[in-house]
Amino acid sequence: MRYIVSDIHGCYDQYRALLEKIHFTDADELYVLGDVVDRGPEPIKVLQDMRKRPNVIFILGNHDFAMYSLMKYLMVKVTEENYDSHLTEEIMLALSLWLQDGGQSTMEKFRGLNHAEMAYILDYIAEASLYEVIEHNGKEYRLVHAGLSNFAPGKGLDEYGLYDFLEERADYSRRYYPQDNIYLVTGHTPTVSIEGWEKPEVYRKHGHIAVDCACVARGRLAAFCVETEEVIYVDGYRL
């Protein structure tokens, strides 16, 4: 079976509970639509678990990209010679904004790793996909993190750039692709904030499948099964 989840946001216990609930085995595949890190208590443990499983397909999210960009930059040893050029005002502002947006738990756990493990984690994020396309029974599922900026119906996914996949929220009120058998599958936007839906359940309308059910904000972590179209939930993170 193939399952799709998104926005785990460091909720390691919920992630492992969901794998148990779907009876995830080496014969299955798990597609993770980004935002593995930040906000929740154990972002690095989630990445480490994903990295050791060859049947987990990681699609990059904006939080993962921010973590990668900043930690890769800050891993360089700062000296008196490179201080002024390395720790620029722009970098310090980006770091401050990331920490305010949930990066504190990620940075703390990341700094607890040895240098080799840090490098392995960053390499794993660098190898993440920007999108995936999977098919079943004549249906095509186009998997991205956030949505598709600069969208055009005839535009191939390989024609979009990095930032087209990471930030702009999908417009769930409109159908993107005219073909009824093509679905845009996204995370990034909590389903509780989709107008007219507003509940922690997978949203399926207008050719969309939205799977971010706000696990880290007392919602739920959801897995959508491609073969059965069933959705499996576990309760989200509770402080």
C-alpha atoms as a PDB file:
ATOM      1  CA  MET A   1       0.000   0.000   0.000  1.00  0.00           C
ATOM      2  CA  ARG A   2       1.027   3.613  -0.573  1.00  0.00           C
ATOM      3  CA  TYR A   3       0.264   6.219   2.058  1.00  0.00           C
ATOM      4  CA  ILE A   4       0.545  10.007   2.034  1.00  0.00           C
ATOM      5  CA  VAL A   5       1.155  12.114   5.155  1.00  0.00           C
ATOM      6  CA  SER A   6       2.256  15.695   5.705  1.00  0.00           C
ATOM      7  CA  ASP A   7       3.364  18.266   8.264  1.00  0.00           C
ATOM      8  CA  ILE A   8       4.589  15.902  10.955  1.00  0.00           C
ATOM      9  CA  HIS A   9       6.357  18.899  12.538  1.00  0.00           C
ATOM     10  CA  GLY A  10       8.432  16.954  15.031  1.00  0.00           C
ATOM     11  CA  CYS A  11       5.550  14.867  16.382  1.00  0.00           C
ATOM     12  CA  TYR A  12       7.607  11.691  16.607  1.00  0.00           C
ATOM     13  CA  ASP A  13       5.262   9.744  18.890  1.00  0.00           C
ATOM     14  CA  GLN A  14       2.295  10.463  16.625  1.00  0.00           C
ATOM     15  CA  TYR A  15       4.324   9.554  13.533  1.00  0.00           C
ATOM     16  CA  ARG A  16       5.332   6.201  15.009  1.00  0.00           C
ATOM     17  CA  ALA A  17       1.799   5.559  16.259  1.00  0.00           C
ATOM     18  CA  LEU A  18       0.464   6.187  12.752  1.00  0.00           C
ATOM     19  CA  LEU A  19       2.970   3.754  11.233  1.00  0.00           C
ATOM     20  CA  GLU A  20       1.778   1.135  13.701  1.00  0.00           C
ATOM     21  CA  LYS A  21      -1.870   1.866  13.011  1.00  0.00           C
ATOM     22  CA  ILE A  22      -1.477   1.388   9.246  1.00  0.00           C
ATOM     23  CA  HIS A  23       0.697  -1.705   9.855  1.00  0.00           C
ATOM     24  CA  PHE A  24       3.469  -0.166   7.780  1.00  0.00           C
ATOM     25  CA  THR A  25       5.890  -2.763   6.385  1.00  0.00           C
ATOM     26  CA  ASP A  26       8.817  -2.890   3.978  1.00  0.00           C
ATOM     27  CA  ALA A  27       6.333  -3.730   1.217  1.00  0.00           C
ATOM     28  CA  ASP A  28       4.526  -0.383   1.656  1.00  0.00           C
ATOM     29  CA  GLU A  29       5.534   3.149   0.703  1.00  0.00           C
ATOM     30  CA  LEU A  30       5.105   6.354   2.668  1.00  0.00           C
ATOM     31  CA  TYR A  31       5.113   9.725   0.925  1.00  0.00           C
ATOM     32  CA  VAL A  32       5.827  12.591   3.338  1.00  0.00           C
ATOM     33  CA  LEU A  33       4.803  15.967   1.926  1.00  0.00           C
ATOM     34  CA  GLY A  34       7.291  18.059   3.857  1.00  0.00           C
ATOM     35  CA  ASP A  35       7.438  20.098   7.039  1.00  0.00           C
ATOM     36  CA  VAL A  36       8.906  17.260   9.025  1.00  0.00           C
ATOM     37  CA  VAL A  37      10.740  19.675  11.334  1.00  0.00           C
ATOM     38  CA  ASP A  38       9.988  22.605  13.682  1.00  0.00           C
ATOM     39  CA  ARG A  39       7.371  23.262  16.357  1.00  0.00           C
ATOM     40  CA  GLY A  40       7.030  19.754  17.772  1.00  0.00           C
ATOM     41  CA  PRO A  41       9.370  18.169  20.334  1.00  0.00           C
ATOM     42  CA  GLU A  42      11.386  15.642  18.273  1.00  0.00           C
ATOM     43  CA  PRO A  43      11.970  16.810  14.686  1.00  0.00           C
ATOM     44  CA  ILE A  44      15.390  15.200  14.356  1.00  0.00           C
ATOM     45  CA  LYS A  45      14.121  11.796  15.531  1.00  0.00           C
ATOM     46  CA  VAL A  46      11.479  11.876  12.800  1.00  0.00           C
ATOM     47  CA  LEU A  47      14.101  12.678  10.153  1.00  0.00           C
ATOM     48  CA  GLN A  48      16.396   9.940  11.465  1.00  0.00           C
ATOM     49  CA  ASP A  49      13.610   7.372  11.328  1.00  0.00           C
ATOM     50  CA  MET A  50      12.600   8.421   7.808  1.00  0.00           C
ATOM     51  CA  ARG A  51      16.195   8.361   6.601  1.00  0.00           C
ATOM     52  CA  LYS A  52      16.730   4.744   7.575  1.00  0.00           C
ATOM     53  CA  ARG A  53      13.628   3.577   5.661  1.00  0.00           C
ATOM     54  CA  PRO A  54      14.199   3.189   1.890  1.00  0.00           C
ATOM     55  CA  ASN A  55      10.433   3.052   1.346  1.00  0.00           C
ATOM     56  CA  VAL A  56       9.822   6.565   2.705  1.00  0.00           C
ATOM     57  CA  ILE A  57       9.743   9.225  -0.012  1.00  0.00           C
ATOM     58  CA  PHE A  58      10.492  12.683   1.356  1.00  0.00           C
ATOM     59  CA  ILE A  59       9.125  15.770  -0.409  1.00  0.00           C
ATOM     60  CA  LEU A  60      10.653  19.064   0.715  1.00  0.00           C
ATOM     61  CA  GLY A  61       8.621  21.538   2.773  1.00  0.00           C
ATOM     62  CA  ASN A  62       9.311  25.185   3.538  1.00  0.00           C
ATOM     63  CA  HIS A  63      10.277  24.459   7.149  1.00  0.00           C
ATOM     64  CA  ASP A  64      12.688  21.720   6.061  1.00  0.00           C
ATOM     65  CA  PHE A  65      14.229  24.069   3.510  1.00  0.00           C
ATOM     66  CA  ALA A  66      14.641  26.855   6.075  1.00  0.00           C
ATOM     67  CA  MET A  67      16.292  24.483   8.521  1.00  0.00           C
ATOM     68  CA  TYR A  68      18.614  23.121   5.835  1.00  0.00           C
ATOM     69  CA  SER A  69      19.600  26.545   4.509  1.00  0.00           C
ATOM     70  CA  LEU A  70      20.400  28.014   7.911  1.00  0.00           C
ATOM     71  CA  MET A  71      22.065  25.007   9.524  1.00  0.00           C
ATOM     72  CA  LYS A  72      24.191  24.352   6.431  1.00  0.00           C
ATOM     73  CA  TYR A  73      25.365  27.941   6.547  1.00  0.00           C
ATOM     74  CA  LEU A  74      25.928  28.090  10.293  1.00  0.00           C
ATOM     75  CA  MET A  75      27.847  24.792  10.426  1.00  0.00           C
ATOM     76  CA  VAL A  76      30.822  26.662   8.961  1.00  0.00           C
ATOM     77  CA  LYS A  77      33.257  27.484  11.745  1.00  0.00           C
ATOM     78  CA  VAL A  78      33.038  31.187  12.533  1.00  0.00           C
ATOM     79  CA  THR A  79      36.392  32.881  13.118  1.00  0.00           C
ATOM     80  CA  GLU A  80      37.576  36.434  13.614  1.00  0.00           C
ATOM     81  CA  GLU A  81      38.517  36.464   9.932  1.00  0.00           C
ATOM     82  CA  ASN A  82      35.096  35.486   8.572  1.00  0.00           C
ATOM     83  CA  TYR A  83      32.814  36.829  11.298  1.00  0.00           C
ATOM     84  CA  ASP A  84      31.789  40.016   9.494  1.00  0.00           C
ATOM     85  CA  SER A  85      31.181  38.319   6.155  1.00  0.00           C
ATOM     86  CA  HIS A  86      29.549  35.170   7.543  1.00  0.00           C
ATOM     87  CA  LEU A  87      27.220  36.355  10.292  1.00  0.00           C
ATOM     88  CA  THR A  88      25.546  39.044   8.249  1.00  0.00           C
ATOM     89  CA  GLU A  89      22.513  41.038   9.332  1.00  0.00           C
ATOM     90  CA  GLU A  90      20.484  39.195   6.676  1.00  0.00           C
ATOM     91  CA  ILE A  91      21.446  35.770   8.046  1.00  0.00           C
ATOM     92  CA  MET A  92      20.774  36.772  11.658  1.00  0.00           C
ATOM     93  CA  LEU A  93      17.344  38.114  10.678  1.00  0.00           C
ATOM     94  CA  ALA A  94      16.524  34.881   8.818  1.00  0.00           C
ATOM     95  CA  LEU A  95      17.615  32.872  11.860  1.00  0.00           C
ATOM     96  CA  SER A  96      15.486  34.996  14.180  1.00  0.00           C
ATOM     97  CA  LEU A  97      12.411  34.587  11.964  1.00  0.00           C
ATOM     98  CA  TRP A  98      12.945  30.824  11.722  1.00  0.00           C
ATOM     99  CA  LEU A  99      13.246  30.468  15.486  1.00  0.00           C
ATOM    100  CA  GLN A 100      10.049  32.472  15.949  1.00  0.00           C
ATOM    101  CA  ASP A 101       8.287  30.204  13.465  1.00  0.00           C
ATOM    102  CA  GLY A 102       9.018  27.022  15.391  1.00  0.00           C
ATOM    103  CA  GLY A 103      12.675  26.409  14.646  1.00  0.00           C
ATOM    104  CA  GLN A 104      13.822  26.443  18.281  1.00  0.00           C
ATOM    105  CA  SER A 105      13.148  22.744  18.914  1.00  0.00           C
ATOM    106  CA  THR A 106      14.838  21.792  15.658  1.00  0.00           C
ATOM    107  CA  MET A 107      17.962  23.834  16.348  1.00  0.00           C
ATOM    108  CA  GLU A 108      18.278  22.512  19.910  1.00  0.00           C
ATOM    109  CA  LYS A 109      17.988  18.871  18.842  1.00  0.00           C
ATOM    110  CA  PHE A 110      20.230  19.378  15.821  1.00  0.00           C
ATOM    111  CA  ARG A 111      22.973  20.928  17.950  1.00  0.00           C
ATOM    112  CA  GLY A 112      22.921  17.777  20.105  1.00  0.00           C
ATOM    113  CA  LEU A 113      24.203  15.681  17.193  1.00  0.00           C
ATOM    114  CA  ASN A 114      27.820  15.039  16.355  1.00  0.00           C
ATOM    115  CA  HIS A 115      29.188  16.662  13.216  1.00  0.00           C
ATOM    116  CA  ALA A 116      28.891  13.529  11.070  1.00  0.00           C
ATOM    117  CA  GLU A 117      25.239  13.040  12.004  1.00  0.00           C
ATOM    118  CA  MET A 118      24.529  16.705  11.317  1.00  0.00           C
ATOM    119  CA  ALA A 119      25.976  16.258   7.836  1.00  0.00           C
ATOM    120  CA  TYR A 120      23.935  13.099   7.223  1.00  0.00           C
ATOM    121  CA  ILE A 121      20.726  14.895   8.194  1.00  0.00           C
ATOM    122  CA  LEU A 122      21.460  17.871   5.964  1.00  0.00           C
ATOM    123  CA  ASP A 123      22.378  15.591   3.064  1.00  0.00           C
ATOM    124  CA  TYR A 124      19.087  13.760   3.514  1.00  0.00           C
ATOM    125  CA  ILE A 125      17.109  17.007   3.329  1.00  0.00           C
ATOM    126  CA  ALA A 126      19.128  18.107   0.286  1.00  0.00           C
ATOM    127  CA  GLU A 127      18.087  14.914  -1.514  1.00  0.00           C
ATOM    128  CA  ALA A 128      14.349  15.411  -0.879  1.00  0.00           C
ATOM    129  CA  SER A 129      12.053  15.619  -3.908  1.00  0.00           C
ATOM    130  CA  LEU A 130      10.157  18.756  -4.861  1.00  0.00           C
ATOM    131  CA  TYR A 131       7.228  16.696  -6.148  1.00  0.00           C
ATOM    132  CA  GLU A 132       6.156  13.142  -6.911  1.00  0.00           C
ATOM    133  CA  VAL A 133       3.525  11.704  -9.254  1.00  0.00           C
ATOM    134  CA  ILE A 134       1.836   8.386  -8.502  1.00  0.00           C
ATOM    135  CA  GLU A 135      -0.957   6.563 -10.288  1.00  0.00           C
ATOM    136  CA  HIS A 136      -3.623   4.050  -9.395  1.00  0.00           C
ATOM    137  CA  ASN A 137      -6.695   2.784 -11.265  1.00  0.00           C
ATOM    138  CA  GLY A 138      -6.530   5.529 -13.871  1.00  0.00           C
ATOM    139  CA  LYS A 139      -6.110   8.274 -11.282  1.00  0.00           C
ATOM    140  CA  GLU A 140      -3.037  10.481 -11.110  1.00  0.00           C
ATOM    141  CA  TYR A 141      -1.934  12.053  -7.844  1.00  0.00           C
ATOM    142  CA  ARG A 142       0.435  15.021  -8.059  1.00  0.00           C
ATOM    143  CA  LEU A 143       2.144  15.391  -4.717  1.00  0.00           C
ATOM    144  CA  VAL A 144       3.657  18.709  -3.610  1.00  0.00           C
ATOM    145  CA  HIS A 145       4.159  20.438  -0.288  1.00  0.00           C
ATOM    146  CA  ALA A 146       2.237  23.710  -0.458  1.00  0.00           C
ATOM    147  CA  GLY A 147       0.713  24.277  -3.873  1.00  0.00           C
ATOM    148  CA  LEU A 148       1.791  25.501  -7.288  1.00  0.00           C
ATOM    149  CA  SER A 149       2.728  29.147  -7.710  1.00  0.00           C
ATOM    150  CA  ASN A 150       2.536  30.526 -11.229  1.00  0.00           C
ATOM    151  CA  PHE A 151       0.152  27.714 -12.101  1.00  0.00           C
ATOM    152  CA  ALA A 152      -0.910  26.899 -15.655  1.00  0.00           C
ATOM    153  CA  PRO A 153      -2.949  23.750 -16.496  1.00  0.00           C
ATOM    154  CA  GLY A 154      -0.625  22.644 -19.288  1.00  0.00           C
ATOM    155  CA  LYS A 155       2.572  23.272 -17.351  1.00  0.00           C
ATOM    156  CA  GLY A 156       4.585  20.206 -16.367  1.00  0.00           C
ATOM    157  CA  LEU A 157       5.703  19.857 -12.760  1.00  0.00           C
ATOM    158  CA  ASP A 158       9.298  19.903 -13.943  1.00  0.00           C
ATOM    159  CA  GLU A 159       8.728  23.440 -15.261  1.00  0.00           C
ATOM    160  CA  TYR A 160       8.134  24.897 -11.788  1.00  0.00           C
ATOM    161  CA  GLY A 161      10.926  26.260  -9.609  1.00  0.00           C
ATOM    162  CA  LEU A 162      11.823  25.508  -6.005  1.00  0.00           C
ATOM    163  CA  TYR A 163       9.793  28.307  -4.450  1.00  0.00           C
ATOM    164  CA  ASP A 164       6.740  27.495  -6.567  1.00  0.00           C
ATOM    165  CA  PHE A 165       6.298  24.359  -4.452  1.00  0.00           C
ATOM    166  CA  LEU A 166       7.088  25.680  -0.978  1.00  0.00           C
ATOM    167  CA  GLU A 167       5.136  28.745   0.067  1.00  0.00           C
ATOM    168  CA  GLU A 168       1.980  29.711  -1.827  1.00  0.00           C
ATOM    169  CA  ARG A 169      -1.060  27.972  -0.394  1.00  0.00           C
ATOM    170  CA  ALA A 170      -3.290  26.082  -2.780  1.00  0.00           C
ATOM    171  CA  ASP A 171      -6.640  27.639  -3.604  1.00  0.00           C
ATOM    172  CA  TYR A 172      -8.982  24.908  -2.459  1.00  0.00           C
ATOM    173  CA  SER A 173     -12.034  26.625  -3.880  1.00  0.00           C
ATOM    174  CA  ARG A 174     -10.914  26.045  -7.477  1.00  0.00           C
ATOM    175  CA  ARG A 175     -10.060  23.021  -9.569  1.00  0.00           C
ATOM    176  CA  TYR A 176      -6.533  23.325 -10.940  1.00  0.00           C
ATOM    177  CA  TYR A 177      -6.586  20.566 -13.531  1.00  0.00           C
ATOM    178  CA  PRO A 178      -9.609  20.174 -15.835  1.00  0.00           C
ATOM    179  CA  GLN A 179      -9.169  16.400 -15.954  1.00  0.00           C
ATOM    180  CA  ASP A 180     -11.320  14.683 -13.308  1.00  0.00           C
ATOM    181  CA  ASN A 181      -8.731  11.963 -12.795  1.00  0.00           C
ATOM    182  CA  ILE A 182      -5.884  14.309 -11.761  1.00  0.00           C
ATOM    183  CA  TYR A 183      -5.593  15.267  -8.096  1.00  0.00           C
ATOM    184  CA  LEU A 184      -3.350  17.873  -6.504  1.00  0.00           C
ATOM    185  CA  VAL A 185      -2.262  16.487  -3.134  1.00  0.00           C
ATOM    186  CA  THR A 186      -0.899  19.024  -0.648  1.00  0.00           C
ATOM    187  CA  GLY A 187       0.097  19.713   2.930  1.00  0.00           C
ATOM    188  CA  HIS A 188       1.167  23.112   4.307  1.00  0.00           C
ATOM    189  CA  THR A 189      -2.355  24.503   4.798  1.00  0.00           C
ATOM    190  CA  PRO A 190      -4.041  23.010   7.881  1.00  0.00           C
ATOM    191  CA  THR A 191      -7.423  21.676   6.860  1.00  0.00           C
ATOM    192  CA  VAL A 192      -8.948  23.439   9.874  1.00  0.00           C
ATOM    193  CA  SER A 193      -8.220  26.725   8.081  1.00  0.00           C
ATOM    194  CA  ILE A 194      -9.790  25.800   4.730  1.00  0.00           C
ATOM    195  CA  GLU A 195     -12.867  27.984   4.356  1.00  0.00           C
ATOM    196  CA  GLY A 196     -16.061  25.978   4.541  1.00  0.00           C
ATOM    197  CA  TRP A 197     -14.265  22.882   5.888  1.00  0.00           C
ATOM    198  CA  GLU A 198     -12.560  23.966   9.121  1.00  0.00           C
ATOM    199  CA  LYS A 199     -12.031  20.560  10.738  1.00  0.00           C
ATOM    200  CA  PRO A 200      -8.991  18.309  11.289  1.00  0.00           C
ATOM    201  CA  GLU A 201      -9.934  15.873   8.548  1.00  0.00           C
ATOM    202  CA  VAL A 202      -8.520  15.285   5.088  1.00  0.00           C
ATOM    203  CA  TYR A 203     -10.166  17.619   2.566  1.00  0.00           C
ATOM    204  CA  ARG A 204     -11.257  16.122  -0.786  1.00  0.00           C
ATOM    205  CA  LYS A 205     -13.027  18.542  -3.137  1.00  0.00           C
ATOM    206  CA  HIS A 206     -12.434  20.291  -6.489  1.00  0.00           C
ATOM    207  CA  GLY A 207      -9.628  17.919  -7.426  1.00  0.00           C
ATOM    208  CA  HIS A 208      -7.743  18.548  -4.180  1.00  0.00           C
ATOM    209  CA  ILE A 209      -6.622  16.205  -1.451  1.00  0.00           C
ATOM    210  CA  ALA A 210      -5.301  18.226   1.519  1.00  0.00           C
ATOM    211  CA  VAL A 211      -3.724  16.093   4.233  1.00  0.00           C
ATOM    212  CA  ASP A 212      -2.311  18.528   6.820  1.00  0.00           C
ATOM    213  CA  CYS A 213      -4.707  17.999   9.711  1.00  0.00           C
ATOM    214  CA  ALA A 214      -2.775  20.199  12.154  1.00  0.00           C
ATOM    215  CA  CYS A 215      -1.097  17.436  14.143  1.00  0.00           C
ATOM    216  CA  VAL A 216       1.192  19.838  16.026  1.00  0.00           C
ATOM    217  CA  ALA A 217      -1.715  22.141  16.925  1.00  0.00           C
ATOM    218  CA  ARG A 218      -3.938  19.646  18.729  1.00  0.00           C
ATOM    219  CA  GLY A 219      -5.407  18.333  15.490  1.00  0.00           C
ATOM    220  CA  ARG A 220      -4.587  14.939  14.004  1.00  0.00           C
ATOM    221  CA  LEU A 221      -1.932  13.234  11.915  1.00  0.00           C
ATOM    222  CA  ALA A 222      -3.506  11.687   8.828  1.00  0.00           C
ATOM    223  CA  ALA A 223      -2.451   9.033   6.331  1.00  0.00           C
ATOM    224  CA  PHE A 224      -4.295   8.849   3.008  1.00  0.00           C
ATOM    225  CA  CYS A 225      -4.091   5.402   1.385  1.00  0.00           C
ATOM    226  CA  VAL A 226      -3.832   5.635  -2.402  1.00  0.00           C
ATOM    227  CA  GLU A 227      -5.091   2.131  -3.090  1.00  0.00           C
ATOM    228  CA  THR A 228      -8.183   2.223  -0.857  1.00  0.00           C
ATOM    229  CA  GLU A 229      -8.724   6.021  -0.507  1.00  0.00           C
ATOM    230  CA  GLU A 230      -9.162   5.357   3.208  1.00  0.00           C
ATOM    231  CA  VAL A 231      -7.842   7.897   5.700  1.00  0.00           C
ATOM    232  CA  ILE A 232      -6.273   6.743   8.954  1.00  0.00           C
ATOM    233  CA  TYR A 233      -5.838   9.191  11.840  1.00  0.00           C
ATOM    234  CA  VAL A 234      -4.045   9.417  15.156  1.00  0.00           C
ATOM    235  CA  ASP A 235      -4.667  12.201  17.651  1.00  0.00           C
ATOM    236  CA  GLY A 236      -2.249  15.090  17.397  1.00  0.00           C
ATOM    237  CA  TYR A 237       0.305  16.520  19.780  1.00  0.00           C
ATOM    238  CA  ARG A 238      -0.859  17.686  23.202  1.00  0.00           C
ATOM    239  CA  LEU A 239       1.327  19.913  25.364  1.00  0.00           C
END
